[in-house]
N, C-alpha and C. Protein backbone atom coordinates (compact mmCIF):
# COMPACT_ATOMS: atom_id res chain seq x y z
N MET A 1 -105.83 -66.72 42.30
CA MET A 1 -105.98 -67.74 41.33
C MET A 1 -105.85 -67.28 39.86
N TYR A 2 -105.02 -67.96 39.06
CA TYR A 2 -104.83 -67.54 37.67
C TYR A 2 -105.94 -67.77 36.69
N SER A 3 -106.42 -66.77 35.94
CA SER A 3 -107.49 -66.66 34.90
C SER A 3 -107.20 -66.14 33.73
N CYS A 4 -107.45 -66.70 32.80
CA CYS A 4 -107.10 -66.30 31.55
C CYS A 4 -108.49 -65.39 30.76
N LYS A 5 -107.99 -64.48 29.94
CA LYS A 5 -109.04 -63.83 29.39
C LYS A 5 -110.03 -64.31 28.32
N TYR A 6 -109.30 -65.25 27.57
CA TYR A 6 -109.89 -65.96 26.44
C TYR A 6 -110.13 -67.29 26.70
N SER A 7 -111.09 -67.94 26.04
CA SER A 7 -111.30 -69.41 26.27
C SER A 7 -110.47 -69.93 25.10
N ASN A 8 -110.44 -71.38 25.28
CA ASN A 8 -109.47 -72.14 24.36
C ASN A 8 -109.91 -72.00 22.94
N SER A 9 -111.27 -72.01 22.55
CA SER A 9 -111.77 -71.89 21.35
C SER A 9 -111.35 -70.43 20.68
N GLN A 10 -111.32 -69.40 21.62
CA GLN A 10 -111.00 -68.10 21.04
C GLN A 10 -109.50 -67.90 20.71
N TRP A 11 -108.67 -68.65 21.53
CA TRP A 11 -107.22 -68.79 21.24
C TRP A 11 -106.82 -69.63 20.37
N LEU A 12 -107.70 -70.47 19.87
CA LEU A 12 -107.55 -71.39 18.58
C LEU A 12 -107.95 -70.47 17.53
N VAL A 13 -108.96 -69.65 17.36
CA VAL A 13 -109.29 -68.76 16.29
C VAL A 13 -108.34 -67.56 16.04
N MET A 14 -107.95 -67.21 17.23
CA MET A 14 -106.83 -66.01 17.15
C MET A 14 -105.58 -66.60 16.51
N SER A 15 -105.02 -67.62 17.04
CA SER A 15 -103.72 -68.44 16.26
C SER A 15 -104.01 -68.53 14.90
N PHE A 16 -105.26 -69.20 14.48
CA PHE A 16 -105.40 -69.37 13.22
C PHE A 16 -105.43 -67.93 12.11
N ILE A 17 -106.04 -67.03 12.78
CA ILE A 17 -106.26 -65.74 11.99
C ILE A 17 -104.73 -65.10 12.08
N ALA A 18 -104.09 -65.22 13.13
CA ALA A 18 -102.59 -64.62 13.05
C ALA A 18 -101.72 -65.42 12.21
N SER A 19 -101.94 -66.66 11.84
CA SER A 19 -101.14 -67.53 11.06
C SER A 19 -101.48 -67.16 9.72
N ILE A 20 -102.80 -66.91 9.46
CA ILE A 20 -102.97 -66.85 7.77
C ILE A 20 -102.81 -65.45 7.56
N SER A 21 -102.81 -64.28 8.61
CA SER A 21 -102.37 -63.06 8.40
C SER A 21 -101.08 -62.80 7.90
N SER A 22 -100.18 -63.70 8.71
CA SER A 22 -98.96 -63.62 8.63
C SER A 22 -98.26 -64.10 7.24
N VAL A 23 -99.09 -64.93 6.63
CA VAL A 23 -98.51 -65.52 5.40
C VAL A 23 -99.30 -65.00 4.38
N LEU A 24 -99.96 -63.88 4.48
CA LEU A 24 -101.02 -63.53 3.45
C LEU A 24 -100.45 -63.12 2.28
N ASN A 25 -99.34 -62.58 2.20
CA ASN A 25 -98.64 -62.30 1.03
C ASN A 25 -98.27 -63.53 0.09
N VAL A 26 -98.26 -64.50 1.00
CA VAL A 26 -97.59 -65.74 0.06
C VAL A 26 -98.80 -66.14 -0.56
N SER A 27 -100.08 -66.10 -0.05
CA SER A 27 -101.25 -66.78 -0.74
C SER A 27 -101.57 -66.00 -1.88
N ILE A 28 -101.08 -64.60 -2.18
CA ILE A 28 -101.71 -64.14 -3.50
C ILE A 28 -100.86 -64.58 -4.65
N SER A 29 -99.69 -65.22 -4.72
CA SER A 29 -99.29 -66.08 -5.88
C SER A 29 -99.87 -67.47 -5.95
N HIS A 30 -99.35 -68.02 -7.26
CA HIS A 30 -100.19 -69.19 -7.80
C HIS A 30 -100.03 -70.45 -6.82
N PHE A 31 -99.41 -70.52 -5.67
CA PHE A 31 -99.53 -71.72 -5.09
C PHE A 31 -100.02 -71.39 -3.43
N ARG A 32 -100.40 -72.59 -3.11
CA ARG A 32 -101.12 -72.59 -1.58
C ARG A 32 -100.18 -72.32 -0.63
N VAL A 33 -100.72 -71.41 0.56
CA VAL A 33 -100.11 -71.35 1.69
C VAL A 33 -99.39 -72.49 2.22
N TYR A 34 -100.14 -73.53 2.41
CA TYR A 34 -99.53 -74.51 3.09
C TYR A 34 -98.57 -75.52 2.14
N THR A 35 -98.22 -75.15 1.38
CA THR A 35 -97.20 -75.98 0.23
C THR A 35 -96.05 -74.85 -0.04
N PRO A 36 -95.17 -74.27 0.79
CA PRO A 36 -94.33 -73.49 0.21
C PRO A 36 -93.22 -73.96 -0.74
N PHE A 37 -92.98 -75.42 -0.65
CA PHE A 37 -92.12 -75.90 -1.59
C PHE A 37 -93.19 -76.62 -2.78
N HIS A 38 -93.07 -75.97 -3.75
CA HIS A 38 -93.82 -76.25 -4.91
C HIS A 38 -92.99 -76.25 -6.33
N GLU A 39 -91.86 -76.44 -6.36
CA GLU A 39 -91.04 -76.51 -7.68
C GLU A 39 -91.50 -77.56 -8.54
N ASP A 40 -91.73 -77.03 -9.72
CA ASP A 40 -92.12 -77.92 -10.93
C ASP A 40 -90.76 -78.43 -11.34
N SER A 41 -90.53 -79.80 -11.19
CA SER A 41 -89.42 -80.64 -11.49
C SER A 41 -89.78 -81.73 -12.32
N PRO A 42 -88.94 -82.31 -13.19
CA PRO A 42 -89.19 -83.62 -13.93
C PRO A 42 -88.62 -84.62 -12.96
N TYR A 43 -87.98 -84.40 -11.94
CA TYR A 43 -87.27 -85.45 -11.16
C TYR A 43 -88.08 -85.92 -9.99
N THR A 44 -88.12 -87.14 -9.74
CA THR A 44 -89.15 -87.80 -8.77
C THR A 44 -88.49 -87.39 -7.43
N GLY A 45 -87.21 -87.14 -7.30
CA GLY A 45 -86.51 -87.00 -6.07
C GLY A 45 -86.99 -85.60 -5.46
N THR A 46 -86.87 -84.53 -6.56
CA THR A 46 -87.37 -83.18 -6.14
C THR A 46 -88.75 -83.18 -5.70
N LYS A 47 -89.69 -84.09 -6.34
CA LYS A 47 -91.07 -84.01 -6.01
C LYS A 47 -91.32 -84.72 -4.60
N ALA A 48 -90.48 -85.70 -4.42
CA ALA A 48 -90.63 -86.36 -3.10
C ALA A 48 -90.02 -85.50 -1.85
N TRP A 49 -89.01 -84.89 -2.18
CA TRP A 49 -88.39 -84.12 -1.18
C TRP A 49 -89.62 -82.78 -0.83
N ASN A 50 -89.96 -82.28 -1.80
CA ASN A 50 -90.97 -81.29 -1.85
C ASN A 50 -92.17 -81.70 -0.84
N ALA A 51 -92.57 -82.89 -1.26
CA ALA A 51 -93.76 -83.38 -0.60
C ALA A 51 -93.47 -83.67 1.03
N VAL A 52 -92.25 -84.13 1.13
CA VAL A 52 -92.02 -84.44 2.77
C VAL A 52 -91.88 -83.28 3.29
N ALA A 53 -91.20 -82.14 2.70
CA ALA A 53 -90.97 -81.07 3.43
C ALA A 53 -92.30 -80.32 3.80
N ASN A 54 -93.53 -80.19 2.68
CA ASN A 54 -94.54 -79.69 2.99
C ASN A 54 -95.25 -80.59 4.16
N SER A 55 -95.16 -81.85 4.04
CA SER A 55 -96.13 -82.39 5.01
C SER A 55 -95.25 -82.23 6.61
N LEU A 56 -93.90 -82.19 6.44
CA LEU A 56 -93.53 -81.77 7.98
C LEU A 56 -93.84 -80.46 8.37
N ILE A 57 -93.89 -79.47 7.55
CA ILE A 57 -94.19 -78.01 7.89
C ILE A 57 -95.91 -78.41 8.28
N LEU A 58 -96.55 -79.04 7.64
CA LEU A 58 -97.94 -79.02 8.50
C LEU A 58 -97.97 -79.95 9.71
N MET A 59 -97.30 -80.86 9.84
CA MET A 59 -97.45 -81.63 11.05
C MET A 59 -96.82 -80.70 12.25
N CYS A 60 -95.71 -79.86 11.83
CA CYS A 60 -95.28 -79.11 12.98
C CYS A 60 -96.27 -78.03 13.48
N PHE A 61 -96.99 -77.54 12.48
CA PHE A 61 -97.82 -76.45 12.89
C PHE A 61 -99.10 -77.34 13.60
N ILE A 62 -99.59 -78.54 13.40
CA ILE A 62 -100.45 -78.90 14.11
C ILE A 62 -100.00 -79.36 15.35
N ILE A 63 -98.60 -79.86 15.62
CA ILE A 63 -98.13 -80.16 16.70
C ILE A 63 -97.92 -78.71 17.61
N VAL A 64 -97.54 -77.74 17.29
CA VAL A 64 -97.28 -76.66 17.94
C VAL A 64 -98.95 -76.04 18.65
N LEU A 65 -99.93 -76.17 17.72
CA LEU A 65 -101.14 -75.72 17.98
C LEU A 65 -101.66 -76.61 19.22
N THR A 66 -101.42 -78.00 19.25
CA THR A 66 -102.07 -78.79 19.95
C THR A 66 -101.24 -78.55 21.37
N VAL A 67 -99.97 -78.48 21.47
CA VAL A 67 -99.20 -78.15 22.71
C VAL A 67 -99.48 -76.86 23.33
N VAL A 68 -99.89 -75.84 22.46
CA VAL A 68 -100.45 -74.57 22.95
C VAL A 68 -101.81 -74.79 23.73
N LEU A 69 -102.63 -75.48 23.03
CA LEU A 69 -103.94 -75.76 23.70
C LEU A 69 -103.89 -76.69 24.83
N ILE A 70 -102.79 -77.67 24.91
CA ILE A 70 -102.69 -78.41 26.06
C ILE A 70 -102.15 -77.56 27.48
N MET A 71 -101.47 -76.64 26.88
CA MET A 71 -100.74 -75.61 27.96
C MET A 71 -101.79 -74.63 28.48
N LEU A 72 -102.49 -73.98 27.68
CA LEU A 72 -103.58 -73.22 28.01
C LEU A 72 -104.74 -74.12 29.07
N TYR A 73 -105.00 -75.32 28.79
CA TYR A 73 -105.94 -76.29 29.57
C TYR A 73 -105.06 -76.32 30.90
N LYS A 74 -103.78 -76.71 30.94
CA LYS A 74 -102.97 -76.96 32.08
C LYS A 74 -103.10 -75.83 33.06
N HIS A 75 -102.99 -74.52 32.38
CA HIS A 75 -102.90 -73.41 33.21
C HIS A 75 -104.33 -72.90 33.46
N ARG A 76 -105.40 -73.82 33.27
CA ARG A 76 -106.77 -73.47 33.51
C ARG A 76 -107.20 -72.41 32.75
N CYS A 77 -107.10 -72.15 31.49
CA CYS A 77 -107.51 -71.09 30.68
C CYS A 77 -108.77 -71.56 29.75
N TYR A 78 -109.58 -72.02 30.53
CA TYR A 78 -110.64 -72.43 29.85
C TYR A 78 -112.28 -71.74 30.18
N MET A 79 -111.99 -70.65 30.95
CA MET A 79 -113.16 -69.95 31.33
C MET A 79 -112.86 -68.68 30.78
N VAL A 80 -113.99 -67.91 30.36
CA VAL A 80 -113.96 -66.45 30.09
C VAL A 80 -114.32 -65.53 31.39
N SER A 81 -113.24 -64.85 31.80
CA SER A 81 -113.73 -63.79 33.11
C SER A 81 -113.94 -62.60 32.46
N VAL A 82 -114.91 -61.97 32.84
CA VAL A 82 -115.27 -60.58 32.59
C VAL A 82 -114.93 -59.75 33.83
């Protein structure tokens, strides 16, 4: 029988830590990690495009994590085996 070493919550925490540590160098600058498009422009179209791009990035991240959790559940990776 297939068994995972980590529980779902442990996978979620590890994926969160991995994603934060992979973009750590971005967080040092003046803008937020979850908003890579931050151009200060007087044009409304540019601001709208940046907002849409940032929201799509966040939505994709949430969708990927949800699919990973569903796949872990499908493969019965919800018990810690020692």
